[in-house]
Amino acid sequence: MIGVALGYIEANPDEMDLIRSLVVLALHGPAITARSTTPAHVTCRAAIVSPDWRVLEIMDSATSAWHLPGGHVDAGDSSLLGAALGLAARRAGVETNMVIPGGIIPFDVEARIVEAAPTRGEPEHVHYDMTYLFHVEDRSLAVPDSVSTRVRWVEPGQVAGRLGTKLTKASRHSRLVT
C-alpha cells in the first residue's frame, strides 16, 4: 500500500496532502484495506474506457445512482489493481480478459466521507477510493448483453469531480497522440 501511495504522489505531486493522511494511517494503524478499519480504509474503483473514451458506469440498485464499478477490498485480493478489476467483473460483468490496465498506479484517489451505518455497526468514516484506469478494445466484448440494462457508457466529463476532469484531460491527450 505504501508503494502505491508513493507512486501516486510521484505522478500527482499536487495531491500530496490527501495521500499523506493515507500513508500515516497505513503506517500506524491496522490493515488499511480492511473494511473494519476506521477512521478510514481503502476501496477500489475501475474506470473502464473504450477506444472513443466513453467510461463505463453501473446502476446502483439501492440508490438508482450511476457510478463506476467498485467497492471494498477483499482479504484475498492480491493487489489493489486486481481488486479493482475483480470488482468490475463482479459488479458490471466485465470480461477481465478483455481489458488492459492503464498502469499499476491508481489513476485517481479520492477521499470520501461515508455516513455512519448503525445497523451494520459502522461509524462515520472515510473511503480512500483508488480508481484504476482500464482500456477495452470493444465495448460489446467487454460487457456482455446480459448486463446491458445495468451499465452505460458516458462521456468522461459526465463523471463527477476531479476524476471526470482527469478522464477528460486524458481523453483529449489520447486523441491528440493517435
N, C-alpha and C. Protein backbone atom coordinates (compact mmCIF):
# COMPACT_ATOMS: atom_id res chain seq x y z
N MET A 1 0.81 -1.19 0.00
CA MET A 1 0.00 0.00 0.00
C MET A 1 0.86 1.26 0.00
N ILE A 2 1.92 1.27 0.76
CA ILE A 2 2.80 2.44 0.85
C ILE A 2 3.44 2.71 -0.51
N GLY A 3 3.87 1.66 -1.19
CA GLY A 3 4.47 1.82 -2.51
C GLY A 3 3.49 2.41 -3.52
N VAL A 4 2.24 1.98 -3.45
CA VAL A 4 1.20 2.53 -4.33
C VAL A 4 1.01 4.02 -4.04
N ALA A 5 0.93 4.36 -2.76
CA ALA A 5 0.73 5.76 -2.38
C ALA A 5 1.90 6.63 -2.82
N LEU A 6 3.12 6.15 -2.64
CA LEU A 6 4.29 6.93 -3.05
C LEU A 6 4.35 7.08 -4.57
N GLY A 7 3.99 6.04 -5.30
CA GLY A 7 3.93 6.13 -6.76
C GLY A 7 2.89 7.14 -7.21
N TYR A 8 1.77 7.17 -6.51
CA TYR A 8 0.72 8.12 -6.85
C TYR A 8 1.18 9.55 -6.58
N ILE A 9 1.86 9.78 -5.45
CA ILE A 9 2.37 11.11 -5.14
C ILE A 9 3.38 11.57 -6.20
N GLU A 10 4.22 10.65 -6.64
CA GLU A 10 5.20 11.00 -7.68
C GLU A 10 4.51 11.46 -8.96
N ALA A 11 3.42 10.78 -9.32
CA ALA A 11 2.68 11.13 -10.54
C ALA A 11 1.75 12.33 -10.33
N ASN A 12 1.36 12.59 -9.09
CA ASN A 12 0.39 13.66 -8.77
C ASN A 12 0.87 14.46 -7.57
N PRO A 13 1.98 15.18 -7.69
CA PRO A 13 2.56 15.87 -6.53
C PRO A 13 1.64 16.91 -5.90
N ASP A 14 0.70 17.44 -6.66
CA ASP A 14 -0.23 18.43 -6.12
C ASP A 14 -1.26 17.80 -5.18
N GLU A 15 -1.30 16.48 -5.08
CA GLU A 15 -2.24 15.79 -4.20
C GLU A 15 -1.55 15.21 -2.96
N MET A 16 -0.39 15.75 -2.64
CA MET A 16 0.42 15.26 -1.52
C MET A 16 -0.35 15.25 -0.20
N ASP A 17 -1.10 16.31 0.10
CA ASP A 17 -1.80 16.38 1.38
C ASP A 17 -2.81 15.25 1.54
N LEU A 18 -3.54 14.94 0.48
CA LEU A 18 -4.51 13.86 0.52
C LEU A 18 -3.83 12.52 0.83
N ILE A 19 -2.75 12.25 0.16
CA ILE A 19 -2.07 10.96 0.29
C ILE A 19 -1.29 10.88 1.60
N ARG A 20 -0.80 12.00 2.09
CA ARG A 20 -0.05 12.00 3.36
C ARG A 20 -0.89 11.37 4.47
N SER A 21 -2.15 11.77 4.58
CA SER A 21 -3.03 11.21 5.62
C SER A 21 -3.19 9.71 5.46
N LEU A 22 -3.33 9.25 4.24
CA LEU A 22 -3.48 7.82 3.97
C LEU A 22 -2.21 7.07 4.38
N VAL A 23 -1.05 7.60 4.06
CA VAL A 23 0.21 6.95 4.40
C VAL A 23 0.37 6.86 5.92
N VAL A 24 0.05 7.93 6.62
CA VAL A 24 0.14 7.93 8.08
C VAL A 24 -0.76 6.84 8.66
N LEU A 25 -1.99 6.75 8.17
CA LEU A 25 -2.90 5.70 8.65
C LEU A 25 -2.35 4.30 8.34
N ALA A 26 -1.79 4.13 7.17
CA ALA A 26 -1.26 2.82 6.78
C ALA A 26 -0.07 2.42 7.64
N LEU A 27 0.73 3.41 8.03
CA LEU A 27 1.92 3.11 8.84
C LEU A 27 1.59 2.84 10.31
N HIS A 28 0.55 3.47 10.82
CA HIS A 28 0.31 3.42 12.27
C HIS A 28 -0.93 2.66 12.71
N GLY A 29 -1.69 2.14 11.79
CA GLY A 29 -2.94 1.51 12.19
C GLY A 29 -3.03 0.08 11.71
N PRO A 30 -4.22 -0.50 11.86
CA PRO A 30 -4.46 -1.85 11.34
C PRO A 30 -4.49 -1.81 9.80
N ALA A 31 -4.70 -2.94 9.19
CA ALA A 31 -4.69 -3.06 7.72
C ALA A 31 -5.60 -2.01 7.09
N ILE A 32 -5.02 -1.12 6.30
CA ILE A 32 -5.76 -0.01 5.72
C ILE A 32 -6.75 -0.46 4.64
N THR A 33 -6.62 -1.70 4.18
CA THR A 33 -7.56 -2.21 3.19
C THR A 33 -8.74 -2.96 3.80
N ALA A 34 -8.71 -3.19 5.11
CA ALA A 34 -9.80 -3.91 5.76
C ALA A 34 -11.02 -3.02 5.95
N ARG A 35 -12.17 -3.53 5.60
CA ARG A 35 -13.42 -2.78 5.71
C ARG A 35 -13.67 -2.28 7.13
N SER A 36 -13.22 -3.02 8.11
CA SER A 36 -13.46 -2.67 9.51
C SER A 36 -12.52 -1.59 10.04
N THR A 37 -11.50 -1.23 9.27
CA THR A 37 -10.53 -0.24 9.73
C THR A 37 -11.13 1.16 9.70
N THR A 38 -11.13 1.80 10.85
CA THR A 38 -11.59 3.19 10.95
C THR A 38 -10.49 3.99 11.64
N PRO A 39 -10.39 5.24 11.36
CA PRO A 39 -11.38 6.13 10.78
C PRO A 39 -11.41 6.14 9.26
N ALA A 40 -10.57 5.31 8.62
CA ALA A 40 -10.56 5.31 7.16
C ALA A 40 -10.03 3.97 6.66
N HIS A 41 -10.42 3.63 5.42
CA HIS A 41 -9.85 2.48 4.75
C HIS A 41 -9.92 2.68 3.24
N VAL A 42 -9.19 1.83 2.55
CA VAL A 42 -9.08 1.92 1.09
C VAL A 42 -10.18 1.11 0.43
N THR A 43 -10.77 1.69 -0.62
CA THR A 43 -11.69 0.98 -1.50
C THR A 43 -11.14 1.15 -2.92
N CYS A 44 -11.65 0.37 -3.85
CA CYS A 44 -11.16 0.44 -5.23
C CYS A 44 -12.30 0.63 -6.22
N ARG A 45 -12.00 1.32 -7.31
CA ARG A 45 -12.94 1.51 -8.42
C ARG A 45 -12.20 1.27 -9.73
N ALA A 46 -12.98 0.95 -10.75
CA ALA A 46 -12.42 0.75 -12.08
C ALA A 46 -13.01 1.79 -13.03
N ALA A 47 -12.14 2.58 -13.65
CA ALA A 47 -12.55 3.50 -14.71
C ALA A 47 -12.22 2.79 -16.02
N ILE A 48 -13.23 2.19 -16.63
CA ILE A 48 -13.04 1.42 -17.85
C ILE A 48 -13.43 2.29 -19.03
N VAL A 49 -12.48 2.49 -19.95
CA VAL A 49 -12.73 3.37 -21.08
C VAL A 49 -12.62 2.60 -22.39
N SER A 50 -13.48 3.01 -23.33
CA SER A 50 -13.49 2.41 -24.67
C SER A 50 -12.55 3.21 -25.58
N PRO A 51 -12.29 2.74 -26.79
CA PRO A 51 -11.40 3.47 -27.70
C PRO A 51 -11.87 4.91 -27.99
N ASP A 52 -13.17 5.15 -27.95
CA ASP A 52 -13.69 6.51 -28.17
C ASP A 52 -13.83 7.27 -26.85
N TRP A 53 -13.21 6.78 -25.82
CA TRP A 53 -13.15 7.39 -24.50
C TRP A 53 -14.52 7.60 -23.87
N ARG A 54 -15.34 6.56 -23.95
CA ARG A 54 -16.56 6.51 -23.15
C ARG A 54 -16.21 5.71 -21.90
N VAL A 55 -16.81 6.09 -20.78
CA VAL A 55 -16.50 5.49 -19.49
C VAL A 55 -17.68 4.64 -19.02
N LEU A 56 -17.38 3.43 -18.57
CA LEU A 56 -18.40 2.51 -18.09
C LEU A 56 -18.90 2.92 -16.71
N GLU A 57 -20.23 3.01 -16.56
CA GLU A 57 -20.86 3.23 -15.27
C GLU A 57 -21.90 2.14 -15.04
N ILE A 58 -22.16 1.86 -13.77
CA ILE A 58 -23.18 0.88 -13.41
C ILE A 58 -24.26 1.54 -12.56
N MET A 59 -25.44 0.96 -12.61
CA MET A 59 -26.57 1.44 -11.82
C MET A 59 -26.55 0.78 -10.45
N ASP A 60 -26.58 1.60 -9.41
CA ASP A 60 -26.70 1.10 -8.04
C ASP A 60 -28.18 0.85 -7.79
N SER A 61 -28.56 -0.39 -7.63
CA SER A 61 -29.98 -0.73 -7.48
C SER A 61 -30.58 -0.17 -6.20
N ALA A 62 -29.77 0.04 -5.18
CA ALA A 62 -30.30 0.57 -3.91
C ALA A 62 -30.61 2.06 -3.99
N THR A 63 -29.78 2.81 -4.73
CA THR A 63 -29.95 4.27 -4.78
C THR A 63 -30.38 4.79 -6.14
N SER A 64 -30.41 3.93 -7.14
CA SER A 64 -30.69 4.31 -8.53
C SER A 64 -29.72 5.37 -9.04
N ALA A 65 -28.51 5.37 -8.51
CA ALA A 65 -27.47 6.30 -8.96
C ALA A 65 -26.47 5.55 -9.84
N TRP A 66 -25.91 6.27 -10.79
CA TRP A 66 -24.88 5.71 -11.67
C TRP A 66 -23.51 6.03 -11.08
N HIS A 67 -22.59 5.06 -11.13
CA HIS A 67 -21.23 5.27 -10.63
C HIS A 67 -20.30 4.25 -11.26
N LEU A 68 -19.02 4.42 -11.04
CA LEU A 68 -18.03 3.46 -11.52
C LEU A 68 -18.15 2.17 -10.72
N PRO A 69 -17.87 1.02 -11.34
CA PRO A 69 -17.87 -0.22 -10.56
C PRO A 69 -16.74 -0.20 -9.54
N GLY A 70 -17.05 -0.62 -8.34
CA GLY A 70 -16.04 -0.65 -7.29
C GLY A 70 -16.62 -1.09 -5.97
N GLY A 71 -15.80 -1.02 -4.94
CA GLY A 71 -16.25 -1.40 -3.61
C GLY A 71 -15.08 -1.70 -2.69
N HIS A 72 -15.36 -2.45 -1.65
CA HIS A 72 -14.36 -2.78 -0.64
C HIS A 72 -13.38 -3.83 -1.17
N VAL A 73 -12.18 -3.75 -0.66
CA VAL A 73 -11.12 -4.70 -1.00
C VAL A 73 -11.34 -5.96 -0.17
N ASP A 74 -11.26 -7.11 -0.82
CA ASP A 74 -11.38 -8.39 -0.11
C ASP A 74 -10.01 -8.84 0.41
N ALA A 75 -10.02 -9.56 1.52
CA ALA A 75 -8.77 -10.04 2.12
C ALA A 75 -7.97 -10.90 1.13
N GLY A 76 -8.65 -11.58 0.22
CA GLY A 76 -7.97 -12.44 -0.74
C GLY A 76 -7.43 -11.73 -1.97
N ASP A 77 -7.70 -10.45 -2.11
CA ASP A 77 -7.19 -9.72 -3.28
C ASP A 77 -5.68 -9.60 -3.19
N SER A 78 -5.00 -9.89 -4.29
CA SER A 78 -3.54 -9.87 -4.29
C SER A 78 -2.97 -8.47 -4.47
N SER A 79 -3.76 -7.55 -5.01
CA SER A 79 -3.31 -6.17 -5.21
C SER A 79 -4.52 -5.26 -5.32
N LEU A 80 -4.29 -3.97 -5.20
CA LEU A 80 -5.39 -3.02 -5.38
C LEU A 80 -5.85 -3.01 -6.83
N LEU A 81 -4.92 -3.12 -7.76
CA LEU A 81 -5.26 -3.20 -9.19
C LEU A 81 -6.14 -4.42 -9.44
N GLY A 82 -5.75 -5.56 -8.87
CA GLY A 82 -6.54 -6.79 -9.01
C GLY A 82 -7.90 -6.66 -8.35
N ALA A 83 -7.96 -5.96 -7.21
CA ALA A 83 -9.24 -5.74 -6.55
C ALA A 83 -10.17 -4.92 -7.42
N ALA A 84 -9.65 -3.86 -8.04
CA ALA A 84 -10.47 -3.02 -8.92
C ALA A 84 -11.00 -3.82 -10.10
N LEU A 85 -10.16 -4.64 -10.70
CA LEU A 85 -10.58 -5.45 -11.83
C LEU A 85 -11.61 -6.50 -11.40
N GLY A 86 -11.39 -7.13 -10.26
CA GLY A 86 -12.34 -8.12 -9.75
C GLY A 86 -13.69 -7.50 -9.44
N LEU A 87 -13.69 -6.31 -8.87
CA LEU A 87 -14.95 -5.61 -8.59
C LEU A 87 -15.68 -5.26 -9.88
N ALA A 88 -14.94 -4.86 -10.92
CA ALA A 88 -15.57 -4.57 -12.22
C ALA A 88 -16.21 -5.82 -12.80
N ALA A 89 -15.56 -6.95 -12.61
CA ALA A 89 -16.12 -8.21 -13.11
C ALA A 89 -17.39 -8.58 -12.35
N ARG A 90 -17.34 -8.49 -11.02
CA ARG A 90 -18.50 -8.87 -10.21
C ARG A 90 -19.66 -7.88 -10.31
N ARG A 91 -19.36 -6.62 -10.34
CA ARG A 91 -20.42 -5.60 -10.29
C ARG A 91 -20.96 -5.21 -11.66
N ALA A 92 -20.12 -5.31 -12.70
CA ALA A 92 -20.56 -4.85 -14.03
C ALA A 92 -20.52 -5.95 -15.08
N GLY A 93 -20.07 -7.14 -14.70
CA GLY A 93 -20.00 -8.23 -15.67
C GLY A 93 -18.86 -8.08 -16.66
N VAL A 94 -17.87 -7.27 -16.35
CA VAL A 94 -16.76 -7.03 -17.27
C VAL A 94 -15.96 -8.32 -17.45
N GLU A 95 -15.69 -8.62 -18.70
CA GLU A 95 -14.85 -9.78 -19.03
C GLU A 95 -13.40 -9.38 -18.78
N THR A 96 -12.79 -9.92 -17.74
CA THR A 96 -11.47 -9.46 -17.32
C THR A 96 -10.38 -9.68 -18.36
N ASN A 97 -10.54 -10.67 -19.22
CA ASN A 97 -9.53 -10.91 -20.25
C ASN A 97 -9.68 -9.96 -21.44
N MET A 98 -10.67 -9.06 -21.38
CA MET A 98 -10.89 -8.11 -22.47
C MET A 98 -10.44 -6.69 -22.11
N VAL A 99 -9.84 -6.51 -20.94
CA VAL A 99 -9.40 -5.18 -20.52
C VAL A 99 -7.88 -5.14 -20.37
N ILE A 100 -7.35 -3.94 -20.57
CA ILE A 100 -5.91 -3.72 -20.46
C ILE A 100 -5.70 -2.65 -19.39
N PRO A 101 -4.96 -2.95 -18.33
CA PRO A 101 -4.72 -1.94 -17.29
C PRO A 101 -3.96 -0.75 -17.86
N GLY A 102 -4.33 0.44 -17.40
CA GLY A 102 -3.64 1.65 -17.81
C GLY A 102 -2.36 1.89 -17.03
N GLY A 103 -2.10 1.09 -16.03
CA GLY A 103 -0.90 1.21 -15.21
C GLY A 103 -1.12 0.55 -13.86
N ILE A 104 -0.04 0.47 -13.08
CA ILE A 104 -0.13 -0.19 -11.78
C ILE A 104 -0.37 0.82 -10.65
N ILE A 105 -0.31 2.09 -10.96
CA ILE A 105 -0.58 3.16 -10.00
C ILE A 105 -2.01 3.65 -10.25
N PRO A 106 -2.75 3.98 -9.20
CA PRO A 106 -4.11 4.49 -9.43
C PRO A 106 -4.11 5.73 -10.33
N PHE A 107 -5.14 5.83 -11.12
CA PHE A 107 -5.34 7.00 -11.99
C PHE A 107 -5.80 8.18 -11.14
N ASP A 108 -6.56 7.90 -10.08
CA ASP A 108 -7.07 8.94 -9.19
C ASP A 108 -7.29 8.35 -7.80
N VAL A 109 -7.18 9.21 -6.80
CA VAL A 109 -7.51 8.85 -5.43
C VAL A 109 -8.42 9.94 -4.89
N GLU A 110 -9.51 9.52 -4.29
CA GLU A 110 -10.47 10.47 -3.72
C GLU A 110 -10.79 10.04 -2.29
N ALA A 111 -10.78 11.00 -1.38
CA ALA A 111 -11.21 10.73 0.00
C ALA A 111 -12.66 11.14 0.11
N ARG A 112 -13.51 10.18 0.50
CA ARG A 112 -14.94 10.43 0.55
C ARG A 112 -15.48 10.02 1.92
N ILE A 113 -16.21 10.93 2.56
CA ILE A 113 -16.80 10.64 3.87
C ILE A 113 -18.04 9.76 3.68
N VAL A 114 -18.09 8.70 4.46
CA VAL A 114 -19.22 7.76 4.44
C VAL A 114 -19.98 7.93 5.75
N GLU A 115 -21.27 8.15 5.64
CA GLU A 115 -22.09 8.34 6.84
C GLU A 115 -22.12 7.07 7.68
N ALA A 116 -22.35 7.25 8.96
CA ALA A 116 -22.45 6.12 9.88
C ALA A 116 -23.60 5.21 9.47
N ALA A 117 -23.41 3.92 9.68
CA ALA A 117 -24.45 2.92 9.42
C ALA A 117 -24.63 2.10 10.70
N PRO A 118 -25.41 2.61 11.63
CA PRO A 118 -25.57 1.93 12.93
C PRO A 118 -26.06 0.49 12.81
N THR A 119 -26.88 0.20 11.82
CA THR A 119 -27.39 -1.17 11.67
C THR A 119 -26.27 -2.16 11.34
N ARG A 120 -25.19 -1.66 10.73
CA ARG A 120 -24.03 -2.51 10.43
C ARG A 120 -22.91 -2.31 11.43
N GLY A 121 -23.16 -1.44 12.44
CA GLY A 121 -22.14 -1.17 13.44
C GLY A 121 -20.98 -0.36 12.91
N GLU A 122 -21.22 0.45 11.86
CA GLU A 122 -20.14 1.24 11.26
C GLU A 122 -20.27 2.71 11.64
N PRO A 123 -19.22 3.28 12.21
CA PRO A 123 -19.24 4.71 12.49
C PRO A 123 -18.98 5.50 11.19
N GLU A 124 -19.18 6.80 11.24
CA GLU A 124 -18.79 7.62 10.10
C GLU A 124 -17.30 7.38 9.86
N HIS A 125 -16.92 7.26 8.59
CA HIS A 125 -15.52 7.01 8.27
C HIS A 125 -15.22 7.52 6.86
N VAL A 126 -13.98 7.38 6.45
CA VAL A 126 -13.54 7.87 5.14
C VAL A 126 -13.16 6.68 4.27
N HIS A 127 -13.60 6.74 3.02
CA HIS A 127 -13.13 5.81 1.99
C HIS A 127 -12.09 6.53 1.14
N TYR A 128 -10.93 5.95 1.04
CA TYR A 128 -9.95 6.41 0.07
C TYR A 128 -10.17 5.56 -1.18
N ASP A 129 -10.94 6.12 -2.14
CA ASP A 129 -11.25 5.39 -3.37
C ASP A 129 -10.06 5.45 -4.33
N MET A 130 -9.44 4.30 -4.55
CA MET A 130 -8.35 4.17 -5.50
C MET A 130 -8.97 3.79 -6.84
N THR A 131 -8.91 4.69 -7.80
CA THR A 131 -9.50 4.43 -9.11
C THR A 131 -8.41 4.05 -10.10
N TYR A 132 -8.54 2.86 -10.65
CA TYR A 132 -7.60 2.37 -11.65
C TYR A 132 -8.21 2.50 -13.04
N LEU A 133 -7.38 2.86 -14.01
CA LEU A 133 -7.82 3.03 -15.38
C LEU A 133 -7.60 1.73 -16.16
N PHE A 134 -8.63 1.34 -16.91
CA PHE A 134 -8.55 0.15 -17.77
C PHE A 134 -9.07 0.54 -19.16
N HIS A 135 -8.49 -0.07 -20.19
CA HIS A 135 -8.92 0.18 -21.57
C HIS A 135 -9.54 -1.09 -22.14
N VAL A 136 -10.57 -0.92 -22.96
CA VAL A 136 -11.15 -2.04 -23.70
C VAL A 136 -11.10 -1.70 -25.18
N GLU A 137 -10.93 -2.71 -26.00
CA GLU A 137 -10.90 -2.52 -27.45
C GLU A 137 -12.29 -2.47 -28.05
N ASP A 138 -13.23 -3.16 -27.40
CA ASP A 138 -14.59 -3.27 -27.94
C ASP A 138 -15.57 -3.33 -26.77
N ARG A 139 -16.45 -2.34 -26.69
CA ARG A 139 -17.41 -2.30 -25.58
C ARG A 139 -18.27 -3.55 -25.51
N SER A 140 -18.74 -4.04 -26.66
CA SER A 140 -19.67 -5.17 -26.67
C SER A 140 -19.00 -6.46 -26.20
N LEU A 141 -17.70 -6.58 -26.41
CA LEU A 141 -16.99 -7.77 -25.93
C LEU A 141 -16.62 -7.65 -24.46
N ALA A 142 -16.43 -6.43 -23.99
CA ALA A 142 -16.02 -6.22 -22.60
C ALA A 142 -17.15 -6.44 -21.62
N VAL A 143 -18.39 -6.08 -22.03
CA VAL A 143 -19.55 -6.21 -21.15
C VAL A 143 -20.63 -6.97 -21.91
N PRO A 144 -20.99 -8.16 -21.46
CA PRO A 144 -22.00 -8.96 -22.16
C PRO A 144 -23.38 -8.29 -22.17
N ASP A 145 -24.17 -8.61 -23.16
CA ASP A 145 -25.53 -8.06 -23.29
C ASP A 145 -26.40 -8.37 -22.08
N SER A 146 -26.11 -9.45 -21.37
CA SER A 146 -26.94 -9.85 -20.23
C SER A 146 -26.96 -8.81 -19.12
N VAL A 147 -25.97 -7.92 -19.08
CA VAL A 147 -25.94 -6.89 -18.04
C VAL A 147 -26.16 -5.49 -18.63
N SER A 148 -26.56 -5.41 -19.89
CA SER A 148 -26.63 -4.12 -20.57
C SER A 148 -27.62 -3.15 -19.94
N THR A 149 -28.62 -3.63 -19.22
CA THR A 149 -29.59 -2.72 -18.60
C THR A 149 -29.03 -2.08 -17.33
N ARG A 150 -27.96 -2.63 -16.80
CA ARG A 150 -27.35 -2.10 -15.58
C ARG A 150 -26.09 -1.28 -15.85
N VAL A 151 -25.70 -1.14 -17.12
CA VAL A 151 -24.49 -0.40 -17.45
C VAL A 151 -24.78 0.64 -18.52
N ARG A 152 -23.93 1.66 -18.54
CA ARG A 152 -23.99 2.65 -19.61
C ARG A 152 -22.58 3.17 -19.84
N TRP A 153 -22.38 3.73 -21.03
CA TRP A 153 -21.10 4.33 -21.40
C TRP A 153 -21.32 5.83 -21.55
N VAL A 154 -20.56 6.63 -20.80
CA VAL A 154 -20.77 8.08 -20.78
C VAL A 154 -19.49 8.81 -21.19
N GLU A 155 -19.67 10.07 -21.56
CA GLU A 155 -18.53 10.95 -21.84
C GLU A 155 -17.73 11.13 -20.55
N PRO A 156 -16.42 11.30 -20.63
CA PRO A 156 -15.61 11.48 -19.42
C PRO A 156 -16.07 12.67 -18.57
N GLY A 157 -16.54 13.72 -19.20
CA GLY A 157 -16.99 14.89 -18.47
C GLY A 157 -18.24 14.65 -17.64
N GLN A 158 -18.95 13.55 -17.89
CA GLN A 158 -20.13 13.23 -17.09
C GLN A 158 -19.78 12.56 -15.77
N VAL A 159 -18.53 12.14 -15.63
CA VAL A 159 -18.08 11.55 -14.37
C VAL A 159 -17.81 12.70 -13.41
N ALA A 160 -18.35 12.60 -12.22
CA ALA A 160 -18.29 13.70 -11.25
C ALA A 160 -16.89 13.94 -10.72
N GLY A 161 -16.66 15.18 -10.32
CA GLY A 161 -15.46 15.56 -9.58
C GLY A 161 -14.17 15.61 -10.36
N ARG A 162 -13.09 15.58 -9.59
CA ARG A 162 -11.75 15.65 -10.17
C ARG A 162 -11.49 14.49 -11.12
N LEU A 163 -12.06 13.32 -10.82
CA LEU A 163 -11.88 12.16 -11.69
C LEU A 163 -12.39 12.46 -13.09
N GLY A 164 -13.56 13.07 -13.20
CA GLY A 164 -14.10 13.43 -14.51
C GLY A 164 -13.18 14.39 -15.26
N THR A 165 -12.60 15.34 -14.53
CA THR A 165 -11.66 16.28 -15.14
C THR A 165 -10.42 15.55 -15.64
N LYS A 166 -9.89 14.64 -14.82
CA LYS A 166 -8.71 13.88 -15.23
C LYS A 166 -9.01 13.00 -16.45
N LEU A 167 -10.18 12.35 -16.45
CA LEU A 167 -10.54 11.50 -17.58
C LEU A 167 -10.71 12.33 -18.85
N THR A 168 -11.32 13.50 -18.74
CA THR A 168 -11.50 14.37 -19.90
C THR A 168 -10.14 14.79 -20.45
N LYS A 169 -9.23 15.20 -19.58
CA LYS A 169 -7.89 15.61 -20.00
C LYS A 169 -7.16 14.45 -20.67
N ALA A 170 -7.25 13.26 -20.08
CA ALA A 170 -6.59 12.08 -20.66
C ALA A 170 -7.18 11.74 -22.03
N SER A 171 -8.49 11.89 -22.17
CA SER A 171 -9.12 11.57 -23.46
C SER A 171 -8.67 12.54 -24.53
N ARG A 172 -8.54 13.81 -24.19
CA ARG A 172 -8.06 14.81 -25.16
C ARG A 172 -6.63 14.52 -25.56
N HIS A 173 -5.80 14.19 -24.56
CA HIS A 173 -4.40 13.89 -24.84
C HIS A 173 -4.29 12.65 -25.73
N SER A 174 -5.09 11.63 -25.42
CA SER A 174 -5.07 10.39 -26.21
C SER A 174 -5.47 10.65 -27.66
N ARG A 175 -6.46 11.48 -27.86
CA ARG A 175 -6.91 11.78 -29.22
C ARG A 175 -5.88 12.58 -30.00
N LEU A 176 -5.08 13.41 -29.31
CA LEU A 176 -4.03 14.17 -29.97
C LEU A 176 -2.87 13.28 -30.37
N VAL A 177 -2.59 12.26 -29.56
CA VAL A 177 -1.48 11.36 -29.81
C VAL A 177 -1.77 10.40 -30.95
N THR A 178 -3.01 9.93 -31.06
CA THR A 178 -3.35 8.93 -32.08
C THR A 178 -3.69 9.53 -33.41
